[in-house]
Protein backbone atom coordinates (compact mmCIF):
# COMPACT_ATOMS: atom_id res chain seq x y z
CA UNK A 1 24.96 -0.68 -67.35
CA UNK A 2 21.87 1.32 -66.66
CA UNK A 3 20.39 -2.36 -65.77
CA UNK A 4 23.16 -3.24 -63.59
CA UNK A 5 22.71 -0.12 -61.52
CA UNK A 6 19.11 -0.72 -61.29
CA UNK A 7 19.72 -4.29 -60.20
CA UNK A 8 22.15 -2.81 -57.41
CA UNK A 9 19.56 -0.24 -56.20
CA UNK A 10 17.00 -3.20 -55.97
CA UNK A 11 19.37 -5.28 -53.87
CA UNK A 12 20.05 -2.66 -51.48
CA UNK A 13 16.65 -1.49 -51.07
CA UNK A 14 15.77 -5.20 -50.54
CA UNK A 15 18.83 -5.46 -47.87
CA UNK A 16 17.41 -2.30 -46.29
CA UNK A 17 13.74 -3.84 -46.08
CA UNK A 18 14.66 -7.26 -44.75
CA UNK A 19 16.98 -5.02 -42.17
CA UNK A 20 13.95 -3.04 -41.26
CA UNK A 21 11.71 -6.06 -40.77
CA UNK A 22 14.55 -7.47 -38.52
CA UNK A 23 14.69 -4.65 -36.29
CA UNK A 24 10.62 -4.47 -35.94
CA UNK A 25 10.62 -8.05 -35.34
CA UNK A 26 13.13 -7.95 -32.34
CA UNK A 27 10.80 -8.45 -29.06
CA UNK A 28 11.44 -5.63 -26.36
CA UNK A 29 10.35 -6.54 -23.08
CA UNK A 30 9.71 -3.17 -20.98
CA UNK A 31 10.75 -3.23 -17.55
CA UNK A 32 9.69 -1.29 -14.53
CA UNK A 33 11.63 -1.13 -11.56
CA UNK A 34 12.23 1.39 -8.54
CA UNK A 35 16.09 0.00 -8.53
CA UNK A 36 18.63 2.09 -9.85
CA UNK A 37 22.06 2.42 -11.02
CA UNK A 38 24.58 2.19 -8.35
CA UNK A 39 22.77 -0.07 -6.24
CA UNK A 40 22.45 -3.95 -6.30
CA UNK A 41 19.22 -4.39 -8.25
CA UNK A 42 19.68 -1.95 -10.65
CA UNK A 43 23.36 -2.80 -11.38
CA UNK A 44 22.27 -6.19 -11.76
CA UNK A 45 19.56 -5.42 -14.32
CA UNK A 46 22.55 -3.68 -16.17
CA UNK A 47 25.38 -6.34 -15.87
CA UNK A 48 23.62 -9.43 -15.93
CA UNK A 49 19.81 -9.35 -16.83
CA UNK A 50 19.89 -7.25 -20.01
CA UNK A 51 23.38 -8.39 -21.51
CA UNK A 52 22.52 -12.25 -20.81
CA UNK A 53 18.98 -11.81 -22.78
CA UNK A 54 20.65 -10.32 -25.52
CA UNK A 55 23.43 -12.78 -25.88
CA UNK A 56 21.19 -16.13 -25.63
CA UNK A 57 18.69 -14.71 -27.96
CA UNK A 58 21.23 -13.91 -30.28
CA UNK A 59 19.82 -10.13 -30.15
CA UNK A 60 16.18 -11.46 -30.92
CA UNK A 61 14.95 -10.18 -27.27
CA UNK A 62 15.90 -7.23 -25.10
CA UNK A 63 14.85 -5.28 -22.41
CA UNK A 64 14.08 -1.56 -22.22
CA UNK A 65 14.86 -0.66 -18.43
CA UNK A 66 13.05 2.16 -16.72
CA UNK A 67 14.82 2.98 -13.61
CA UNK A 68 14.05 4.67 -10.36
CA UNK A 69 10.27 4.66 -10.47
CA UNK A 70 10.56 6.85 -13.67
CA UNK A 71 7.78 4.71 -14.90
CA UNK A 72 5.83 3.16 -11.98
CA UNK A 73 6.41 2.31 -8.26
CA UNK A 74 6.17 -1.07 -7.16
CA UNK A 75 2.53 -2.00 -7.08
CA UNK A 76 1.34 0.28 -9.79
CA UNK A 77 4.36 -1.75 -11.89
CA UNK A 78 2.54 -4.81 -11.41
CA UNK A 79 -0.86 -3.24 -12.56
CA UNK A 80 0.63 -1.94 -15.24
CA UNK A 81 2.13 -5.28 -16.31
CA UNK A 82 -1.37 -6.59 -16.45
CA UNK A 83 -2.55 -3.80 -18.67
CA UNK A 84 0.06 -4.70 -21.04
CA UNK A 85 1.77 -1.46 -20.70
CA UNK A 86 5.00 -3.16 -19.65
CA UNK A 87 6.32 -6.83 -19.24
CA UNK A 88 8.94 -7.13 -16.66
CA UNK A 89 8.89 -5.50 -13.13
CA UNK A 90 10.43 -5.74 -9.75
CA UNK A 91 9.16 -5.30 -6.14
CA UNK A 92 9.48 -6.29 -2.70
CA UNK A 93 7.87 -9.79 -1.79
CA UNK A 94 5.82 -7.62 0.77
CA UNK A 95 4.28 -5.81 -2.16
CA UNK A 96 3.70 -8.77 -4.53
CA UNK A 97 1.40 -9.32 -1.92
CA UNK A 98 -1.32 -7.21 -3.70
CA UNK A 99 -1.62 -9.72 -6.50
CA UNK A 100 -1.66 -13.02 -4.13
CA UNK A 101 -0.26 -14.52 -0.94
CA UNK A 102 2.27 -16.75 -2.89
CA UNK A 103 5.50 -14.92 -1.72
CA UNK A 104 4.26 -14.28 1.75
CA UNK A 105 6.53 -16.93 3.12
CA UNK A 106 9.39 -14.96 2.32
CA UNK A 107 8.17 -11.84 4.75
CA UNK A 108 7.47 -14.21 7.47
CA UNK A 109 9.95 -12.85 10.53
CA UNK A 110 12.90 -15.30 11.59
CA UNK A 111 11.86 -17.58 8.52
CA UNK A 112 15.90 -17.37 7.67
CA UNK A 113 18.48 -17.61 9.99
CA UNK A 114 21.37 -15.65 8.01
CA UNK A 115 21.84 -13.87 4.38
CA UNK A 116 23.49 -17.09 3.46
CA UNK A 117 20.52 -19.20 4.42
CA UNK A 118 18.38 -17.49 2.86
CA UNK A 119 20.35 -17.23 -0.42
CA UNK A 120 20.83 -20.80 -0.29
CA UNK A 121 17.24 -21.96 0.15
CA UNK A 122 15.83 -19.60 -1.94
CA UNK A 123 18.20 -20.46 -4.85
CA UNK A 124 17.89 -24.31 -4.45
CA UNK A 125 14.10 -24.82 -4.22
CA UNK A 126 11.99 -22.29 -2.15
CA UNK A 127 11.53 -19.51 -4.85
CA UNK A 128 10.69 -22.08 -7.58
CA UNK A 129 8.21 -23.60 -5.68
CA UNK A 130 6.60 -20.29 -4.73
CA UNK A 131 6.77 -18.82 -8.16
CA UNK A 132 5.00 -21.84 -9.49
CA UNK A 133 2.05 -21.19 -7.15
CA UNK A 134 2.44 -17.39 -7.79
CA UNK A 135 1.83 -18.18 -11.80
CA UNK A 136 -1.35 -19.74 -11.16
CA UNK A 137 -2.78 -17.34 -8.48
CA UNK A 138 -1.32 -13.99 -8.94
CA UNK A 139 -1.36 -13.13 -13.02
CA UNK A 140 2.44 -13.10 -12.76
CA UNK A 141 5.07 -15.25 -13.36
CA UNK A 142 7.61 -14.84 -10.65
CA UNK A 143 11.16 -15.44 -12.30
CA UNK A 144 13.40 -15.07 -9.15
CA UNK A 145 13.30 -14.02 -5.51
CA UNK A 146 16.39 -12.03 -4.15
CA UNK A 147 17.61 -9.81 -1.26
CA UNK A 148 17.81 -6.17 -1.34
CA UNK A 149 19.72 -5.11 1.72
CA UNK A 150 20.07 -8.38 3.65
CA UNK A 151 17.86 -8.35 7.23
CA UNK A 152 16.72 -5.49 9.14
CA UNK A 153 18.70 -4.70 12.04
CA UNK A 154 18.00 -2.31 15.19
CA UNK A 155 19.62 0.98 15.37
CA UNK A 156 18.74 3.47 18.40
CA UNK A 157 19.83 6.56 20.06
CA UNK A 158 18.97 5.80 23.24
CA UNK A 159 21.61 2.96 24.39
CA UNK A 160 22.65 -0.52 24.48
CA UNK A 161 20.06 -3.04 23.91
CA UNK A 162 20.74 -6.93 24.26
CA UNK A 163 17.19 -8.47 25.20
CA UNK A 164 13.84 -7.25 24.04
CA UNK A 165 13.29 -6.30 27.69
CA UNK A 166 15.74 -3.20 27.16
CA UNK A 167 13.39 -1.74 24.48
CA UNK A 168 10.65 -1.16 27.13
CA UNK A 169 8.71 2.02 26.37
CA UNK A 170 11.05 3.62 23.98
CA UNK A 171 9.41 5.06 20.80
CA UNK A 172 10.36 3.10 17.95
CA UNK A 173 10.00 4.22 14.35
CA UNK A 174 7.81 1.76 12.29
CA UNK A 175 6.61 1.54 8.66
CA UNK A 176 2.83 0.83 7.62
CA UNK A 177 3.95 -2.99 7.98
CA UNK A 178 1.37 -4.94 10.42
CA UNK A 179 4.41 -7.18 11.01
CA UNK A 180 6.82 -4.67 11.86
CA UNK A 181 4.18 -3.05 14.04
CA UNK A 182 3.73 -6.28 15.65
CA UNK A 183 7.45 -7.05 16.45
CA UNK A 184 8.40 -3.77 17.98
CA UNK A 185 5.27 -3.74 20.00
CA UNK A 186 5.87 -7.25 21.34
CA UNK A 187 9.66 -6.56 21.78
CA UNK A 188 8.10 -3.77 24.30
CA UNK A 189 8.86 -0.59 22.39
CA UNK A 190 6.24 1.98 21.55
CA UNK A 191 5.48 1.47 17.85
CA UNK A 192 5.59 5.25 16.04
CA UNK A 193 4.75 5.48 12.19
CA UNK A 194 7.21 7.60 10.64
CA UNK A 195 8.19 8.86 7.40
CA UNK A 196 11.57 7.65 6.01
CA UNK A 197 12.36 11.14 4.69
CA UNK A 198 12.32 12.55 8.11
CA UNK A 199 13.65 9.63 9.93
CA UNK A 200 17.47 11.32 10.50
CA UNK A 201 15.88 14.31 12.01
CA UNK A 202 13.51 12.46 13.92
CA UNK A 203 16.09 10.26 15.54
CA UNK A 204 18.23 13.47 16.10
CA UNK A 205 15.77 15.64 17.95
CA UNK A 206 14.18 12.39 19.99
CA UNK A 207 10.96 12.06 18.23
CA UNK A 208 11.72 8.81 17.97
CA UNK A 209 14.63 6.99 19.30
CA UNK A 210 14.94 3.63 17.25
CA UNK A 211 14.51 2.21 13.84
CA UNK A 212 14.58 -1.27 12.54
CA UNK A 213 16.06 -1.00 8.98
CA UNK A 214 18.35 -2.76 6.62
CA UNK A 215 21.91 -1.98 7.47
CA UNK A 216 22.96 -0.61 3.94
CA UNK A 217 19.82 1.45 4.01
CA UNK A 218 20.81 2.81 7.49
CA UNK A 219 24.30 3.55 6.07
CA UNK A 220 22.93 5.45 3.00
CA UNK A 221 20.69 7.50 5.05
CA UNK A 222 23.55 8.02 7.66
CA UNK A 223 21.28 7.03 10.43
CA UNK A 224 24.25 5.75 12.20
CA UNK A 225 25.37 9.44 12.84
CA UNK A 226 22.39 9.80 15.14
CA UNK A 227 21.40 6.48 16.27
CA UNK A 228 24.97 4.89 17.14
CA UNK A 229 23.68 1.63 19.07
CA UNK A 230 23.05 -1.33 16.82
CA UNK A 231 21.68 -5.00 17.82
CA UNK A 232 22.07 -7.59 15.06
CA UNK A 233 18.79 -9.74 15.66
CA UNK A 234 17.78 -9.98 12.02
CA UNK A 235 14.29 -11.45 11.45
CA UNK A 236 12.85 -9.60 8.75
CA UNK A 237 14.59 -10.51 5.29
CA UNK A 238 14.38 -7.88 2.82
CA UNK A 239 12.96 -9.98 -0.11
CA UNK A 240 12.31 -8.82 -3.67
CA UNK A 241 11.21 -10.45 -6.98
CA UNK A 242 11.38 -9.80 -10.55
CA UNK A 243 8.07 -11.09 -12.32
CA UNK A 244 6.64 -11.10 -16.04
CA UNK A 245 2.88 -10.89 -16.71
CA UNK A 246 1.38 -14.35 -17.25
CA UNK A 247 -0.32 -13.32 -20.45
CA UNK A 248 2.81 -12.02 -22.04
CA UNK A 249 4.72 -14.76 -20.60
CA UNK A 250 2.38 -17.31 -22.18
CA UNK A 251 2.65 -15.41 -25.65
CA UNK A 252 6.38 -15.95 -25.96
CA UNK A 253 7.41 -19.26 -27.75
CA UNK A 254 9.19 -21.99 -25.67
CA UNK A 255 12.43 -20.75 -26.86
CA UNK A 256 11.87 -17.15 -25.86
CA UNK A 257 10.69 -18.64 -22.55
CA UNK A 258 13.88 -20.35 -22.15
CA UNK A 259 16.05 -17.45 -22.87
CA UNK A 260 14.05 -15.14 -20.39
CA UNK A 261 14.60 -17.85 -17.61
CA UNK A 262 18.51 -18.01 -18.44
CA UNK A 263 18.47 -14.17 -18.39
CA UNK A 264 16.40 -14.32 -14.85
CA UNK A 265 18.86 -16.79 -13.60
CA UNK A 266 22.07 -14.64 -14.16
CA UNK A 267 20.37 -11.67 -12.73
CA UNK A 268 19.55 -13.64 -9.53
CA UNK A 269 23.20 -14.56 -9.18
CA UNK A 270 24.32 -11.06 -9.74
CA UNK A 271 22.04 -9.48 -7.51
CA UNK A 272 22.71 -12.04 -4.90
CA UNK A 273 26.39 -11.36 -5.05
CA UNK A 274 26.11 -7.56 -5.28
CA UNK A 275 23.82 -7.56 -2.46
CA UNK A 276 25.82 -9.18 0.09
CA UNK A 277 28.88 -6.97 -0.67
CA UNK A 278 26.45 -4.10 -0.32
CA UNK A 279 25.35 -5.24 3.19
CA UNK A 280 29.09 -6.21 4.15
CA UNK A 281 30.11 -2.51 2.99
CA UNK A 282 27.49 -0.76 4.86
CA UNK A 283 28.06 -2.72 8.06
CA UNK A 284 31.73 -2.08 8.01
CA UNK A 285 31.02 1.38 7.49
CA UNK A 286 28.70 1.86 10.53
CA UNK A 287 30.94 -0.27 12.74
CA UNK A 288 33.57 2.01 12.39
CA UNK A 289 31.89 4.86 14.53
CA UNK A 290 29.18 2.73 16.46
CA UNK A 291 29.27 2.87 20.17
CA UNK A 292 28.00 -0.27 20.40
CA UNK A 293 27.21 -3.26 17.57
CA UNK A 294 25.65 -6.08 19.77
CA UNK A 295 25.25 -9.95 18.58
CA UNK A 296 22.68 -11.45 20.82
CA UNK A 297 23.37 -14.86 22.33
CA UNK A 298 21.20 -18.19 21.74
CA UNK A 299 19.21 -17.48 24.86
CA UNK A 300 18.61 -13.70 24.01
CA UNK A 301 17.86 -14.83 20.39
CA UNK A 302 14.89 -17.18 21.72
CA UNK A 303 13.38 -14.13 23.45
CA UNK A 304 13.73 -11.88 20.18
CA UNK A 305 12.07 -14.81 18.08
CA UNK A 306 9.49 -14.91 20.91
CA UNK A 307 8.06 -11.64 19.72
CA UNK A 308 7.42 -13.20 16.19
CA UNK A 309 5.14 -15.39 17.36
CA UNK A 310 2.06 -13.37 16.84
CA UNK A 311 3.18 -12.36 13.39
CA UNK A 312 3.23 -15.85 12.22
CA UNK A 313 -0.07 -16.18 13.83
CA UNK A 314 -1.50 -13.35 11.84
CA UNK A 315 -0.30 -14.65 8.79
CA UNK A 316 -1.93 -18.05 9.34
CA UNK A 317 -3.53 -19.02 5.63
CA UNK A 318 -0.93 -17.07 3.80
CA UNK A 319 1.76 -19.85 3.76
CA UNK A 320 2.14 -23.45 3.56
CA UNK A 321 3.05 -24.79 7.13
CA UNK A 322 4.82 -27.66 5.81
CA UNK A 323 6.77 -25.59 3.27
CA UNK A 324 7.68 -23.30 6.42
CA UNK A 325 8.46 -26.13 8.42
CA UNK A 326 11.15 -27.70 5.94
CA UNK A 327 12.62 -24.17 5.60
CA UNK A 328 13.33 -23.85 9.14
CA UNK A 329 14.37 -27.51 9.46
CA UNK A 330 17.11 -27.06 6.65
CA UNK A 331 18.56 -24.38 8.78
CA UNK A 332 18.24 -26.48 12.45
CA UNK A 333 15.93 -23.81 13.84
CA UNK A 334 14.30 -26.40 15.69
CA UNK A 335 13.79 -24.47 18.89
CA UNK A 336 12.18 -22.08 16.96
CA UNK A 337 9.69 -24.65 15.30
CA UNK A 338 8.98 -25.89 19.09
CA UNK A 339 8.04 -22.37 20.02
CA UNK A 340 5.89 -21.84 17.01
CA UNK A 341 4.09 -24.98 17.55
CA UNK A 342 3.34 -24.30 21.33
CA UNK A 343 1.46 -21.15 20.07
CA UNK A 344 -0.21 -22.99 17.44
CA UNK A 345 1.53 -20.78 14.94
CA UNK A 346 2.82 -23.90 12.73
C-alpha cells in the first residue's frame, strides 16, 4: 500500500515537473507600443496578433503586450528591441527612419491616392519589398506596414479653402516633420510649430488658424469644434509598422518564424479593417457640424500635389525611384509622375 502511495506521489511529481518545464519552455515575445485598447492598433494586437500566434503555435509562443507607452515610446521601443529588452515594437514609418530609410517611401506625400490604394498596394507587394530591405539595413525585421488614421486632411478656423492660394498668409500649425513644414510653406501658409496638447486652445484663441492632422485624431481631439472648415487633400499617409529585432528573429526556429508571420498577417488585416472604420466614423461625426467639407477637383489637386514636389526632391536618395514610379503607375497617377519628372524629383 505504501509502495503504491509512493508510486503515485512520484508520478504526480513527475507530471508537475514536466508541466513546469513546459511553462518555462514557452516562448514569450514582449511587445512595446504607443497603441492602446480602444484604438485600431491596440485592438488589432488584442484581437488578432495575440490570439493568432497562440493558436498557430499551439500555445508554444505568446505575446506580452505593453500598451500606451507604458514600456517605451516609438523610437525608444526600437532601441530597447536592439538591446534585447523587448522583441516586438510598433511605430510610425517616419520614426522607423531612426534605423534606416527602407520605409521612407511610405512617407512621401501623394505616394498614395486613397486609403484603398494604400492598403491594396502595401498588402500586395510594397510592404514585403521594403521590409526585406529593412531586415538588411535596419537591424529590425519589419513584419507588416499599415495605416493609423488614414490621411491627414486640412482643418481650419479661417474659412473655406479650395486651392493652395486660399492658404496665403494663414498661420498653420505644423509638427517637427520637415515634410509637413515644406508642404504647408509651399501651399502658401505660415508654418508654426505648435504642441499637440495645446492645439485646441491655439485654434480657439487664434494663435494658429489651421492644422493638418488625420481626421480620426481631429475628431478625438475635438478640433472640429474650433476649426470647422475642412479640405480633403490627402497627401500624407499615416503609415505605421510592426517589427521584431533581427537578432531575436534569427534566433527563432523556421517553424516559429512561420507562426510569427501568420500572426503578423492576421494583425495587418485586422488593423486595416479597424482603421478604415475609425477613419469613416471620425469623418462622419466631423461632417455633422462642419461648416464646409470640400473635395477639390482634379485641377485643384494638381496644385496641391505641386506643393509636394520639394519634399520629394529633399527625400531623394532615401527611396528607389523605380519603386515609387511603379506605385504611382498602379494608381494611374501619370500627371503627378510628369510633375515629378519635370522637377527632377523622380
